[in-house]
Protein backbone atom coordinates (compact mmCIF):
# COMPACT_ATOMS: atom_id res chain seq x y z
CA MET A 1 -0.05 -0.03 -0.09
CA ASN A 2 1.10 3.54 -0.84
CA ARG A 3 0.97 6.28 1.78
CA SER A 4 -2.35 7.67 0.30
CA GLU A 5 -3.90 4.25 0.85
CA LEU A 6 -2.58 4.14 4.27
CA ARG A 7 -3.93 7.51 5.05
CA GLN A 8 -7.34 6.20 4.12
CA LYS A 9 -6.88 3.22 6.70
CA ILE A 10 -5.75 5.92 9.30
CA MET A 11 -8.80 7.98 8.82
CA THR A 12 -11.01 4.91 9.15
CA ILE A 13 -9.04 3.97 12.49
CA LEU A 14 -9.33 7.65 13.83
CA TYR A 15 -13.23 7.70 12.79
CA GLN A 16 -13.74 4.57 14.85
CA ILE A 17 -11.71 5.95 17.81
CA ASN A 18 -13.82 9.12 17.65
CA VAL A 19 -17.05 7.01 17.68
CA TYR A 20 -15.80 5.19 20.63
CA ASN A 21 -14.78 8.48 22.53
CA THR A 22 -18.02 10.09 21.83
CA ASN A 23 -19.96 7.23 23.16
CA LYS A 24 -17.61 6.84 26.19
CA MET A 25 -16.86 3.21 25.16
CA SER A 26 -13.47 1.59 25.93
CA TYR A 27 -11.45 0.27 23.27
CA ASP A 28 -7.89 -1.08 22.28
CA VAL A 29 -6.04 1.02 19.68
CA ASP A 30 -3.99 -1.86 18.49
CA SER A 31 -7.01 -4.06 17.98
CA ILE A 32 -8.71 -1.29 15.83
CA ILE A 33 -5.50 -0.88 13.77
CA LYS A 34 -5.33 -4.87 13.31
CA GLU A 35 -9.11 -4.81 12.40
CA VAL A 36 -8.57 -2.14 9.65
CA LEU A 37 -4.98 -3.18 8.43
CA GLU A 38 -3.91 -6.79 8.60
CA VAL A 39 -0.28 -6.17 8.32
CA ASP A 40 1.91 -4.18 10.88
CA ASN A 41 2.77 -0.68 9.64
CA GLU A 42 4.90 1.97 11.34
CA PHE A 43 3.45 4.91 9.50
CA VAL A 44 -0.17 4.15 10.46
CA LYS A 45 1.01 3.41 14.03
CA GLU A 46 2.84 6.66 14.25
CA ILE A 47 0.06 8.82 12.99
CA VAL A 48 -2.72 7.03 14.93
CA TYR A 49 -0.84 7.20 18.23
CA GLY A 50 0.29 10.67 17.38
CA VAL A 51 -3.11 11.98 16.94
CA ILE A 52 -4.17 10.18 20.14
CA THR A 53 -1.25 11.62 22.11
CA TYR A 54 -1.71 15.24 20.84
CA ASN A 55 -5.33 15.25 20.56
CA LYS A 56 -6.11 18.04 22.88
CA ASP A 57 -3.39 20.27 21.27
CA ILE A 58 -4.56 19.17 17.80
CA ASP A 59 -8.29 19.90 18.55
CA GLU A 60 -7.35 23.41 20.15
CA LEU A 61 -5.25 24.43 17.03
CA ALA A 62 -8.38 23.30 14.85
CA ASN A 63 -10.45 25.40 16.93
CA LYS A 64 -8.42 28.45 16.75
CA TYR A 65 -8.69 28.50 12.96
CA LEU A 66 -12.13 27.18 12.47
CA GLU A 67 -14.41 30.23 11.94
CA ASN A 68 -17.76 30.06 14.03
CA TRP A 69 -17.28 26.41 14.33
CA THR A 70 -15.47 23.70 16.58
CA ILE A 71 -13.92 20.58 15.80
CA ASP A 72 -16.37 18.66 17.94
CA ARG A 73 -19.15 19.84 15.57
CA LEU A 74 -17.59 18.10 12.70
CA GLY A 75 -18.68 14.70 11.59
CA ASN A 76 -16.43 11.71 12.73
CA THR A 77 -14.86 11.21 9.23
CA ASP A 78 -14.24 14.99 8.82
CA LYS A 79 -12.78 15.21 12.23
CA ALA A 80 -10.45 12.34 11.63
CA ILE A 81 -9.27 13.89 8.51
CA LEU A 82 -8.61 17.21 10.01
CA GLN A 83 -6.92 15.61 12.89
CA MET A 84 -4.57 13.61 10.85
CA GLY A 85 -3.76 16.76 8.39
CA ILE A 86 -2.94 18.77 11.53
CA TYR A 87 -0.88 16.12 13.20
CA GLU A 88 1.21 15.55 10.03
CA LEU A 89 1.47 19.14 9.46
CA ILE A 90 2.80 19.94 12.92
CA TYR A 91 4.60 16.83 14.34
CA THR A 92 6.10 14.90 11.29
CA ASP A 93 8.78 15.63 8.49
CA THR A 94 6.28 15.01 5.80
CA PRO A 95 6.34 18.20 3.53
CA ASP A 96 3.74 20.70 4.30
CA ILE A 97 2.17 20.63 0.77
CA VAL A 98 1.88 16.75 0.90
CA CYS A 99 0.24 16.95 4.39
CA ILE A 100 -2.33 19.41 3.11
CA ASN A 101 -3.05 17.75 -0.41
CA GLU A 102 -3.63 14.39 1.16
CA ALA A 103 -6.16 15.68 3.67
CA ILE A 104 -7.82 17.58 0.85
CA GLU A 105 -7.85 14.44 -1.36
CA LEU A 106 -9.52 12.45 1.38
CA ALA A 107 -11.97 15.24 2.03
CA LYS A 108 -12.96 15.27 -1.68
CA LEU A 109 -13.78 11.52 -1.22
CA TYR A 110 -15.49 11.67 2.08
CA SER A 111 -16.71 15.15 2.91
CA ASP A 112 -18.92 17.62 1.30
CA ASP A 113 -17.71 20.55 -0.41
CA SER A 114 -18.22 23.24 2.41
CA VAL A 115 -16.32 20.89 4.94
CA ARG A 116 -13.57 20.21 2.25
CA LYS A 117 -13.09 23.99 1.98
CA MET A 118 -13.14 24.34 5.88
CA ILE A 119 -10.43 21.57 6.38
CA ASN A 120 -8.32 23.32 3.56
CA GLY A 121 -8.74 26.73 5.22
CA VAL A 122 -7.58 25.40 8.60
CA LEU A 123 -4.68 23.65 7.21
CA ASP A 124 -3.77 26.43 5.14
CA LYS A 125 -3.83 29.05 8.12
CA ILE A 126 -1.77 26.51 10.27
CA TYR A 127 0.76 26.18 7.53
CA HIS A 128 1.11 29.81 7.11
CA ASN A 129 1.45 30.37 10.98
CA LYS A 130 3.97 27.64 11.69
């Protein structure tokens, strides 16, 4: 699998984690990863555990740049895409343009146009204020 395909898997994993958190259900991260991706993959683990570790900071950063909106009002898929994009942009060596483009490509597939623009706007503002 290439990284774009892996990001789709990460989005699915983060989506499931967001659902569990919203419903205050317990879960095992490694079990969710195994359920979505049969093979062990360090890139997937790094992003998933990174988003979990820095969740509060990521959400605060998203809220700072979301206009008249908060990240917890987004659907779980949109939230997962935005969290992954912010994590990659801030905490990894992935080139900034790749982080933004990958998130936008996922949003084109899974989000409506207004949310895609919102995700793009937030990531663009974070990029310009890094």
